[in-house]
N, C-alpha and C. Protein backbone atom coordinates (compact mmCIF):
# COMPACT_ATOMS: atom_id res chain seq x y z
N UNK A 1 48.12 24.17 3.18
CA UNK A 1 47.57 25.03 3.80
C UNK A 1 49.14 25.51 4.41
N UNK A 2 48.65 26.93 4.70
CA UNK A 2 49.60 27.62 5.85
C UNK A 2 48.91 28.30 7.10
N UNK A 3 50.07 28.66 8.26
CA UNK A 3 49.76 29.15 9.05
C UNK A 3 50.94 30.40 9.70
N UNK A 4 50.08 31.25 10.05
CA UNK A 4 51.28 32.50 10.58
C UNK A 4 50.52 32.61 12.08
N UNK A 5 51.50 32.80 12.41
CA UNK A 5 52.00 32.92 13.76
C UNK A 5 52.69 34.31 14.49
N UNK A 6 51.86 35.24 15.28
CA UNK A 6 52.01 36.38 15.62
C UNK A 6 52.84 36.32 16.97
N UNK A 7 53.91 36.47 17.10
CA UNK A 7 53.76 36.11 18.22
C UNK A 7 53.68 37.12 19.32
N UNK A 8 53.08 36.65 20.28
CA UNK A 8 52.76 37.81 21.78
C UNK A 8 52.91 36.19 23.36
N UNK A 9 54.14 35.92 23.39
CA UNK A 9 54.16 35.20 23.95
C UNK A 9 53.15 33.30 24.29
N UNK A 10 53.56 32.88 23.25
CA UNK A 10 53.24 31.85 22.26
C UNK A 10 53.18 30.40 23.63
N UNK A 11 51.57 29.96 23.18
CA UNK A 11 52.06 28.27 23.46
C UNK A 11 50.99 27.80 22.03
N UNK A 12 52.26 26.75 21.62
CA UNK A 12 51.39 26.04 20.19
C UNK A 12 51.23 24.98 20.72
N UNK A 13 50.01 24.17 20.33
CA UNK A 13 49.31 23.07 20.39
C UNK A 13 49.52 22.03 19.70
N UNK A 14 49.96 20.68 19.72
CA UNK A 14 50.73 19.87 18.63
C UNK A 14 49.48 18.83 19.40
N UNK A 15 48.75 18.17 18.31
CA UNK A 15 47.85 17.14 18.39
C UNK A 15 48.48 15.56 17.64
N UNK A 16 48.08 14.69 18.29
CA UNK A 16 48.51 12.89 17.65
C UNK A 16 47.24 12.72 17.66
N UNK A 17 46.93 12.29 16.25
CA UNK A 17 45.30 11.44 16.02
C UNK A 17 45.70 10.53 16.12
N UNK A 18 46.55 9.94 15.75
CA UNK A 18 47.01 8.56 15.48
C UNK A 18 46.26 8.22 16.57
N UNK A 19 45.31 6.93 16.68
CA UNK A 19 45.14 5.94 17.89
C UNK A 19 46.10 5.34 18.45
N UNK A 20 47.16 4.64 17.63
CA UNK A 20 47.64 3.44 18.07
C UNK A 20 49.12 3.99 18.30
N UNK A 21 49.58 4.70 17.86
CA UNK A 21 50.89 5.00 18.06
C UNK A 21 51.36 6.88 18.42
N UNK A 22 52.57 6.27 19.85
CA UNK A 22 52.80 7.86 20.30
C UNK A 22 53.90 8.03 19.39
N UNK A 23 54.27 9.28 19.28
CA UNK A 23 55.45 10.30 18.25
C UNK A 23 55.97 11.17 19.31
N UNK A 24 57.37 10.86 18.84
CA UNK A 24 58.53 12.30 19.30
C UNK A 24 58.53 13.04 18.40
N UNK A 25 58.28 14.60 19.14
CA UNK A 25 58.24 15.78 18.67
C UNK A 25 59.44 16.84 18.77
N UNK A 26 60.14 16.95 17.67
CA UNK A 26 60.81 17.84 17.88
C UNK A 26 59.92 19.66 17.69
N UNK A 27 61.08 20.06 18.40
CA UNK A 27 60.42 21.74 17.90
C UNK A 27 61.66 22.45 18.61
N UNK A 28 61.91 23.51 17.54
CA UNK A 28 62.50 24.84 17.37
C UNK A 28 62.66 25.96 16.25
N UNK A 29 63.16 27.18 16.77
CA UNK A 29 62.99 28.39 15.77
C UNK A 29 64.25 28.32 14.90
N UNK A 30 64.05 28.68 13.72
CA UNK A 30 65.31 28.56 12.46
C UNK A 30 65.21 29.85 12.19
N UNK A 31 65.88 30.81 11.64
CA UNK A 31 65.95 31.90 10.46
C UNK A 31 65.07 31.46 8.86
N UNK A 32 64.26 32.41 8.39
CA UNK A 32 63.54 32.57 6.89
C UNK A 32 64.39 31.98 6.52
N UNK A 33 65.48 32.88 6.49
CA UNK A 33 66.57 32.56 5.15
C UNK A 33 68.16 32.54 6.26
N UNK A 34 68.46 31.90 5.30
CA UNK A 34 70.33 31.94 6.53
C UNK A 34 70.61 31.48 7.10
N UNK A 35 71.72 31.45 7.68
CA UNK A 35 71.50 30.39 8.74
C UNK A 35 71.71 31.10 10.33
N UNK A 36 71.29 32.65 9.97
CA UNK A 36 71.31 33.86 11.49
C UNK A 36 70.84 32.94 12.61
N UNK A 37 71.27 33.46 13.73
CA UNK A 37 71.12 32.97 14.88
C UNK A 37 69.46 33.88 15.57
N UNK A 38 68.09 33.30 15.93
CA UNK A 38 67.21 33.54 16.26
C UNK A 38 66.62 34.06 17.64
N UNK A 39 66.00 34.70 17.65
CA UNK A 39 66.13 35.10 19.75
C UNK A 39 64.63 34.51 19.97
N UNK A 40 64.73 33.32 19.65
CA UNK A 40 63.74 32.22 20.23
C UNK A 40 63.90 31.19 20.99
N UNK A 41 62.90 30.22 21.46
CA UNK A 41 63.79 29.55 21.96
C UNK A 41 62.45 28.13 22.36
N UNK A 42 62.55 27.10 21.57
CA UNK A 42 60.69 26.29 21.56
C UNK A 42 60.74 25.53 22.67
N UNK A 43 60.77 25.31 23.83
CA UNK A 43 60.42 24.40 24.61
C UNK A 43 59.22 23.52 25.08
N UNK A 44 59.66 22.63 24.80
CA UNK A 44 60.28 21.43 25.47
C UNK A 44 61.23 21.00 23.78
N UNK A 45 62.34 20.89 23.87
CA UNK A 45 63.06 21.09 22.24
C UNK A 45 62.74 19.65 21.62
N UNK A 46 62.26 18.31 22.50
CA UNK A 46 61.50 17.05 22.23
C UNK A 46 60.95 16.65 23.09
N UNK A 47 60.14 16.11 23.08
CA UNK A 47 59.12 15.52 23.81
C UNK A 47 58.32 14.33 23.10
N UNK A 48 57.71 13.27 23.95
CA UNK A 48 56.56 12.29 23.62
C UNK A 48 55.41 12.59 24.00
N UNK A 49 54.22 12.46 22.20
CA UNK A 49 52.83 12.33 22.76
C UNK A 49 52.43 11.30 22.65
N UNK A 50 51.23 10.91 23.17
CA UNK A 50 50.94 9.81 23.51
C UNK A 50 49.81 9.48 22.36
N UNK A 51 49.12 8.51 22.04
CA UNK A 51 48.34 8.05 21.11
C UNK A 51 47.18 8.84 21.53
N UNK A 52 46.75 9.73 20.16
CA UNK A 52 44.82 10.39 21.01
C UNK A 52 45.36 11.53 21.51
N UNK A 53 46.01 11.92 21.74
CA UNK A 53 46.93 13.00 22.60
C UNK A 53 47.28 14.35 22.12
N UNK A 54 47.35 15.33 23.21
CA UNK A 54 48.05 16.06 22.77
C UNK A 54 48.92 16.97 23.45
N UNK A 55 49.90 17.83 23.30
CA UNK A 55 50.71 18.23 24.08
C UNK A 55 51.49 19.78 23.57
N UNK A 56 51.87 20.64 23.93
CA UNK A 56 52.43 21.84 23.55
C UNK A 56 53.65 21.79 23.77
N UNK A 57 54.02 23.25 22.71
CA UNK A 57 55.34 23.58 22.27
C UNK A 57 55.64 24.90 22.69
N UNK A 58 56.27 25.70 23.70
CA UNK A 58 56.22 27.09 24.54
C UNK A 58 57.37 27.42 23.55
N UNK A 59 56.77 28.83 23.04
CA UNK A 59 57.87 29.64 21.86
C UNK A 59 58.17 30.74 23.14
N UNK A 60 59.48 31.45 23.72
CA UNK A 60 59.84 32.10 24.34
C UNK A 60 61.08 33.13 23.95
N UNK A 61 60.61 34.35 24.00
CA UNK A 61 61.87 34.84 23.15
C UNK A 61 63.08 35.52 24.15
N UNK A 62 63.74 35.61 24.15
CA UNK A 62 65.33 35.11 24.65
C UNK A 62 65.40 36.75 24.88
N UNK A 63 64.54 38.16 24.69
CA UNK A 63 65.60 39.19 25.02
C UNK A 63 66.53 39.93 24.48
N UNK A 64 66.77 39.48 23.27
CA UNK A 64 67.38 39.57 22.03
C UNK A 64 66.84 41.49 21.44
N UNK A 65 67.90 42.63 21.41
CA UNK A 65 67.38 43.65 20.76
C UNK A 65 66.50 43.42 19.35
N UNK A 66 65.93 44.05 19.28
CA UNK A 66 65.63 43.79 17.44
C UNK A 66 66.69 44.68 16.78
N UNK A 67 66.91 44.44 15.95
CA UNK A 67 67.80 45.59 15.28
C UNK A 67 67.00 46.34 14.26
N UNK A 68 65.60 46.66 13.96
CA UNK A 68 64.72 47.11 13.64
C UNK A 68 63.55 47.95 13.83
N UNK A 69 62.95 48.87 13.69
CA UNK A 69 61.35 48.83 13.60
C UNK A 69 60.45 48.27 12.58
N UNK A 70 60.88 47.02 12.44
CA UNK A 70 59.62 46.43 11.20
C UNK A 70 59.79 44.89 11.32
N UNK A 71 58.70 44.32 11.25
CA UNK A 71 58.31 42.93 11.49
C UNK A 71 59.45 42.08 10.66
N UNK A 72 60.05 41.18 11.78
CA UNK A 72 61.26 40.12 11.15
C UNK A 72 60.68 38.38 11.39
N UNK A 73 60.64 37.94 10.25
CA UNK A 73 59.93 36.84 10.12
C UNK A 73 60.85 35.15 10.46
N UNK A 74 60.43 34.36 11.66
CA UNK A 74 61.09 33.16 11.26
C UNK A 74 60.04 32.14 10.84
N UNK A 75 60.73 30.67 11.16
CA UNK A 75 59.95 29.28 11.17
C UNK A 75 60.27 28.99 12.18
N UNK A 76 59.03 28.57 13.07
CA UNK A 76 58.75 27.84 13.71
C UNK A 76 58.63 26.16 13.19
N UNK A 77 59.02 25.32 13.65
CA UNK A 77 59.76 23.91 12.96
C UNK A 77 59.07 22.85 14.20
N UNK A 78 57.87 22.27 13.71
CA UNK A 78 57.62 20.76 14.60
C UNK A 78 57.74 20.11 13.41
N UNK A 79 58.66 18.84 14.19
CA UNK A 79 58.81 17.43 13.32
C UNK A 79 58.42 16.43 14.31
N UNK A 80 57.48 16.05 14.09
CA UNK A 80 56.98 14.71 13.99
C UNK A 80 57.87 13.42 13.79
N UNK A 81 58.28 12.41 15.18
CA UNK A 81 58.91 11.29 14.35
C UNK A 81 58.22 10.28 15.12
N UNK A 82 58.08 8.90 14.23
CA UNK A 82 57.00 8.24 14.45
C UNK A 82 57.88 6.86 15.54
N UNK A 83 57.64 5.94 15.69
CA UNK A 83 58.44 5.35 16.45
C UNK A 83 58.39 3.78 15.32
N UNK A 84 59.28 3.33 15.78
CA UNK A 84 59.97 2.12 15.18
C UNK A 84 59.69 1.00 15.47
N UNK A 85 59.26 -0.17 14.17
CA UNK A 85 58.48 -0.55 14.55
C UNK A 85 59.10 -1.57 14.29
N UNK A 86 59.06 -3.27 15.60
CA UNK A 86 59.77 -4.14 15.02
C UNK A 86 59.66 -5.31 14.21
N UNK A 87 60.25 -5.45 12.96
CA UNK A 87 59.91 -6.05 12.39
C UNK A 87 61.19 -6.46 11.48
N UNK A 88 61.66 -7.76 10.95
CA UNK A 88 62.71 -8.36 10.09
C UNK A 88 62.48 -7.39 8.51
N UNK A 89 61.47 -7.15 8.67
CA UNK A 89 61.34 -6.48 7.19
C UNK A 89 62.29 -5.11 7.00
N UNK A 90 61.88 -5.00 5.52
CA UNK A 90 62.53 -3.65 5.54
C UNK A 90 61.11 -2.42 5.23
N UNK A 91 61.70 -1.17 6.09
CA UNK A 91 60.23 -0.83 5.94
C UNK A 91 60.54 0.60 5.44
N UNK A 92 59.82 1.66 5.31
CA UNK A 92 60.39 3.31 4.55
C UNK A 92 59.57 3.88 6.17
N UNK A 93 60.13 4.59 6.53
CA UNK A 93 59.61 5.48 7.84
C UNK A 93 59.70 7.19 7.28
N UNK A 94 58.34 7.53 7.14
CA UNK A 94 58.42 8.89 7.23
C UNK A 94 57.85 10.05 8.56
N UNK A 95 59.28 11.16 8.36
CA UNK A 95 59.18 12.39 9.50
C UNK A 95 58.99 13.54 8.96
N UNK A 96 57.54 13.93 9.58
CA UNK A 96 57.50 14.94 8.76
C UNK A 96 57.29 16.23 10.29
N UNK A 97 58.16 17.24 9.48
CA UNK A 97 58.71 18.38 9.28
C UNK A 97 58.01 19.68 9.45
N UNK A 98 56.41 20.10 9.96
CA UNK A 98 55.87 20.86 9.28
C UNK A 98 56.16 22.38 9.72
N UNK A 99 56.50 23.35 8.86
CA UNK A 99 57.07 25.35 9.36
C UNK A 99 55.97 26.01 9.50
N UNK A 100 56.03 26.56 10.20
CA UNK A 100 54.88 27.22 9.87
C UNK A 100 55.59 29.00 10.02
N UNK A 101 55.39 29.96 9.73
CA UNK A 101 56.27 31.62 10.20
C UNK A 101 55.39 31.99 10.95
N UNK A 102 56.55 32.57 12.20
CA UNK A 102 56.61 33.08 12.93
C UNK A 102 56.86 34.40 12.99
N UNK A 103 56.50 35.25 13.44
CA UNK A 103 56.14 36.85 12.63
C UNK A 103 56.56 37.75 14.34
N UNK A 104 57.67 38.43 14.21
CA UNK A 104 58.27 39.29 15.23
C UNK A 104 57.79 40.67 15.18
N UNK A 105 57.23 41.50 16.06
CA UNK A 105 57.15 43.21 15.93
C UNK A 105 57.67 43.56 16.99
N UNK A 106 58.34 45.35 16.67
CA UNK A 106 58.66 46.02 18.03
C UNK A 106 57.68 46.33 18.49
N UNK A 107 57.59 46.29 19.47
CA UNK A 107 56.45 46.91 21.02
C UNK A 107 56.02 48.60 20.10
N UNK A 108 57.00 48.95 19.56
CA UNK A 108 56.47 50.44 18.43
C UNK A 108 56.32 50.59 17.37
N UNK A 109 56.13 49.24 16.51
CA UNK A 109 55.87 49.99 15.10
C UNK A 109 54.19 50.20 14.95
N UNK A 110 54.22 50.89 14.16
CA UNK A 110 53.59 51.59 13.59
C UNK A 110 52.20 50.64 13.08
N UNK A 111 50.35 50.83 13.72
CA UNK A 111 49.47 50.24 12.97
C UNK A 111 49.68 49.85 11.16
N UNK A 112 49.27 49.01 10.96
CA UNK A 112 49.15 48.67 9.30
C UNK A 112 48.54 49.96 8.92
N UNK A 113 48.76 50.49 7.72
CA UNK A 113 47.95 51.37 7.26
C UNK A 113 47.87 50.73 5.66
N UNK A 114 47.15 50.51 5.12
CA UNK A 114 46.65 50.04 3.73
C UNK A 114 47.03 50.85 2.71
N UNK A 115 46.68 51.85 2.95
CA UNK A 115 46.70 52.93 1.97
C UNK A 115 48.73 53.47 1.62
N UNK A 116 49.12 53.29 2.50
CA UNK A 116 50.65 52.90 2.15
C UNK A 116 51.03 51.81 1.25
N UNK A 117 50.04 51.04 1.04
CA UNK A 117 50.16 49.98 -0.29
C UNK A 117 50.42 50.54 -1.66
N UNK A 118 50.70 50.32 -2.53
CA UNK A 118 50.50 50.98 -4.07
C UNK A 118 50.60 49.90 -4.52
N UNK A 119 49.87 50.01 -6.04
CA UNK A 119 49.82 49.54 -6.97
C UNK A 119 49.53 50.26 -8.40
N UNK A 120 50.51 49.47 -9.03
CA UNK A 120 50.76 50.58 -10.24
C UNK A 120 50.76 49.16 -11.24
N UNK A 121 50.25 50.12 -12.56
CA UNK A 121 50.66 49.13 -14.35
C UNK A 121 52.02 49.72 -14.36
N UNK A 122 52.50 49.16 -14.81
CA UNK A 122 53.82 49.88 -15.22
C UNK A 122 54.71 48.83 -16.49
N UNK A 123 55.75 48.85 -17.05
CA UNK A 123 56.08 48.55 -18.72
C UNK A 123 56.06 46.97 -18.34
N UNK A 124 56.59 46.97 -16.61
CA UNK A 124 56.96 45.28 -16.57
C UNK A 124 56.09 44.14 -15.84
N UNK A 125 54.72 44.95 -15.85
CA UNK A 125 53.62 44.38 -14.96
C UNK A 125 52.59 45.33 -14.09
N UNK A 126 52.14 44.49 -13.32
CA UNK A 126 51.65 44.89 -12.19
C UNK A 126 52.62 44.64 -10.85
N UNK A 127 52.63 45.94 -10.57
CA UNK A 127 53.83 46.45 -9.53
C UNK A 127 53.07 47.07 -8.22
N UNK A 128 53.34 46.09 -7.29
CA UNK A 128 52.92 46.32 -5.75
C UNK A 128 54.68 46.89 -4.66
N UNK A 129 54.42 48.16 -4.12
CA UNK A 129 55.34 48.99 -3.42
C UNK A 129 54.55 48.89 -1.88
N UNK A 130 54.87 47.62 -0.99
CA UNK A 130 54.44 48.03 0.07
C UNK A 130 55.72 49.27 1.13
N UNK A 131 54.81 50.03 1.52
CA UNK A 131 55.79 51.28 2.25
C UNK A 131 55.22 50.99 3.48
N UNK A 132 55.44 49.77 4.11
CA UNK A 132 54.57 49.69 5.95
C UNK A 132 56.02 48.85 6.07
N UNK A 133 56.21 48.74 7.10
CA UNK A 133 56.97 47.96 8.06
C UNK A 133 56.84 46.40 8.54
N UNK A 134 55.75 45.97 7.48
CA UNK A 134 54.92 44.48 7.98
C UNK A 134 55.23 43.61 6.27
N UNK A 135 55.23 42.56 6.71
CA UNK A 135 55.31 41.75 5.85
C UNK A 135 53.79 41.58 5.56
N UNK A 136 53.70 41.40 3.40
CA UNK A 136 52.36 41.41 3.48
C UNK A 136 52.26 40.29 2.46
N UNK A 137 51.19 39.34 3.43
CA UNK A 137 50.47 38.08 2.60
C UNK A 137 49.25 38.18 2.09
N UNK A 138 49.67 37.50 0.74
CA UNK A 138 48.67 38.36 -0.69
C UNK A 138 48.15 36.53 -1.01
N UNK A 139 47.13 36.40 -0.57
CA UNK A 139 46.13 35.81 -0.93
C UNK A 139 45.52 35.43 -3.12
N UNK A 140 45.19 35.86 -3.49
CA UNK A 140 45.17 35.86 -4.97
C UNK A 140 45.03 37.31 -5.36
N UNK A 141 45.22 37.15 -6.37
CA UNK A 141 45.07 38.62 -7.42
C UNK A 141 44.07 38.08 -8.51
N UNK A 142 43.58 39.20 -8.47
CA UNK A 142 41.67 38.93 -9.05
C UNK A 142 42.35 39.66 -10.72
N UNK A 143 42.36 39.64 -11.78
CA UNK A 143 43.05 40.28 -13.35
C UNK A 143 41.39 40.00 -13.80
N UNK A 144 40.44 40.55 -14.16
CA UNK A 144 38.96 40.58 -14.81
C UNK A 144 38.77 39.09 -14.23
N UNK A 145 38.44 38.19 -14.86
CA UNK A 145 37.44 36.96 -14.50
C UNK A 145 38.66 35.69 -13.80
N UNK A 146 40.15 36.49 -13.92
CA UNK A 146 41.44 35.63 -13.82
C UNK A 146 41.69 35.51 -12.50
N UNK A 147 41.73 34.71 -11.76
CA UNK A 147 42.41 34.45 -10.24
C UNK A 147 43.67 33.65 -10.66
N UNK A 148 44.71 34.81 -9.59
CA UNK A 148 46.03 33.95 -9.66
C UNK A 148 46.71 33.51 -8.62
N UNK A 149 46.89 33.00 -7.55
CA UNK A 149 47.76 32.53 -6.37
C UNK A 149 49.01 33.46 -6.81
N UNK A 150 49.32 33.47 -4.99
CA UNK A 150 50.84 34.28 -5.31
C UNK A 150 50.81 33.76 -3.55
N UNK A 151 51.55 32.89 -3.55
CA UNK A 151 52.48 31.82 -2.58
C UNK A 151 53.71 32.57 -1.46
N UNK A 152 53.55 33.69 -1.34
CA UNK A 152 54.48 34.30 -0.86
C UNK A 152 54.16 35.47 -0.34
N UNK A 153 54.97 36.31 -0.07
CA UNK A 153 54.59 37.68 0.71
C UNK A 153 55.45 38.56 0.48
N UNK A 154 54.93 40.00 0.57
CA UNK A 154 55.93 40.85 -0.15
C UNK A 154 56.61 41.85 1.21
N UNK A 155 57.91 41.79 1.33
CA UNK A 155 58.63 42.57 2.69
C UNK A 155 58.35 43.65 2.94
N UNK A 156 58.99 44.27 3.98
CA UNK A 156 58.39 45.47 4.38
C UNK A 156 59.54 45.99 3.63
N UNK A 157 58.59 47.90 2.86
CA UNK A 157 59.53 48.57 1.89
C UNK A 157 60.34 47.84 0.96
N UNK A 158 59.20 46.78 0.07
CA UNK A 158 59.83 46.47 -0.55
C UNK A 158 58.62 46.76 -2.22
N UNK A 159 59.22 46.72 -3.56
CA UNK A 159 58.28 46.62 -4.47
C UNK A 159 58.46 45.81 -5.27
N UNK A 160 57.84 44.65 -5.94
CA UNK A 160 57.97 44.05 -6.24
C UNK A 160 56.60 43.70 -7.73
N UNK A 161 57.18 42.93 -8.64
CA UNK A 161 56.04 42.74 -9.77
C UNK A 161 55.25 41.98 -9.62
N UNK A 162 54.34 41.50 -9.17
CA UNK A 162 52.96 40.91 -9.40
C UNK A 162 52.87 39.81 -10.12
N UNK A 163 52.89 40.49 -11.34
CA UNK A 163 52.50 39.86 -12.80
C UNK A 163 53.09 40.44 -13.67
N UNK A 164 53.78 39.56 -14.32
CA UNK A 164 54.41 40.11 -15.96
C UNK A 164 53.34 39.77 -16.74
N UNK A 165 52.68 40.87 -17.33
CA UNK A 165 51.72 40.80 -18.13
C UNK A 165 51.54 42.26 -19.14
N UNK A 166 51.49 42.35 -19.95
CA UNK A 166 51.58 43.50 -21.09
C UNK A 166 50.17 44.37 -20.83
N UNK A 167 49.14 43.41 -20.96
CA UNK A 167 47.54 44.00 -20.99
C UNK A 167 47.56 43.83 -19.44
N UNK A 168 47.50 44.62 -18.63
CA UNK A 168 46.62 44.29 -17.90
C UNK A 168 45.25 45.21 -17.75
N UNK A 169 44.03 44.81 -17.34
CA UNK A 169 42.98 45.19 -17.68
C UNK A 169 42.46 46.46 -16.55
N UNK A 170 41.45 47.57 -16.65
CA UNK A 170 40.77 48.44 -15.58
C UNK A 170 41.07 48.19 -14.53
N UNK A 171 40.11 46.52 -13.87
CA UNK A 171 40.26 46.74 -12.51
C UNK A 171 41.23 45.67 -12.16
N UNK A 172 41.85 45.41 -11.08
CA UNK A 172 42.95 44.68 -10.69
C UNK A 172 42.46 44.67 -8.88
N UNK A 173 42.34 43.48 -8.37
CA UNK A 173 42.06 43.44 -7.25
C UNK A 173 43.45 42.59 -6.82
N UNK A 174 43.91 42.90 -5.73
CA UNK A 174 44.61 42.04 -4.52
C UNK A 174 43.89 41.57 -3.39
N UNK A 175 44.67 40.43 -2.86
CA UNK A 175 43.63 40.20 -1.81
C UNK A 175 44.89 39.87 -0.73
N UNK A 176 44.73 40.48 0.43
CA UNK A 176 45.79 40.72 1.64
C UNK A 176 45.01 39.59 2.39
N UNK A 177 45.48 38.84 3.40
CA UNK A 177 45.38 38.22 4.62
C UNK A 177 46.18 39.10 5.83
N UNK A 178 45.19 39.27 6.89
CA UNK A 178 44.85 40.14 7.88
C UNK A 178 45.85 38.91 8.97
N UNK A 179 46.21 39.83 9.84
CA UNK A 179 46.64 39.16 11.10
C UNK A 179 45.44 38.08 11.91
N UNK A 180 44.16 38.34 11.36
CA UNK A 180 42.91 37.24 12.08
C UNK A 180 43.05 36.71 10.71
N UNK A 181 43.54 36.23 9.56
CA UNK A 181 43.01 35.44 9.08
C UNK A 181 42.17 36.05 7.61
N UNK A 182 41.43 37.24 8.16
CA UNK A 182 40.47 37.78 7.09
C UNK A 182 41.11 38.36 5.95
N UNK A 183 40.62 38.56 4.99
CA UNK A 183 40.75 39.13 3.54
C UNK A 183 40.47 40.34 3.63
N UNK A 184 41.70 41.20 3.31
CA UNK A 184 41.50 42.78 2.56
C UNK A 184 41.82 42.78 1.11
N UNK A 185 40.94 44.03 0.40
CA UNK A 185 40.89 43.80 -1.01
C UNK A 185 41.58 44.99 -0.91
N UNK A 186 42.52 45.03 -1.81
CA UNK A 186 43.38 46.65 -2.59
C UNK A 186 43.01 46.39 -3.52
N UNK A 187 42.55 47.69 -4.49
CA UNK A 187 41.84 47.52 -5.85
C UNK A 187 42.64 48.75 -6.28
N UNK A 188 42.78 48.81 -7.72
CA UNK A 188 43.83 49.28 -8.80
C UNK A 188 42.70 49.65 -9.95
N UNK A 189 41.91 50.69 -10.62
CA UNK A 189 41.23 50.95 -11.02
C UNK A 189 42.11 51.10 -12.49
């Protein structure tokens, strides 16, 4: 399962459904790729959630100027750390780090216009040209009666080969996921 967060002064809910154990929760924001510094702080950076209860991580924008007029993506990291059991035997303990995509948009960014997203059949396969300032999240690519998953997004102003197939039938549908989680279809005839 994937979750997307579009930053608007966010509070992120965290639940502990375990009825017996408390967990330590560590939260932070990191770069999507590389080691660049992020303009966000997640607070509190470390806190405890009691059994069968919930807490929140607040995501605060530090006000650093945006480098461009397009969407920028980061990771919100939520690490769940279970308590150590007092036992003389060896144990395997799992710490789970969940990552959620966190998108930051400039205030003056133009609205998303799917007419600026072009699909084409070329010798190299099915190509998408994203001429928008947004990251486009693709759910599926439907080619005839076959459904192909696409587990990534297309970066702003990027051209990507979606399918490397020599023969692409007449009708191809690419299903995008919008900000509200709904599916938007783009059809190539």
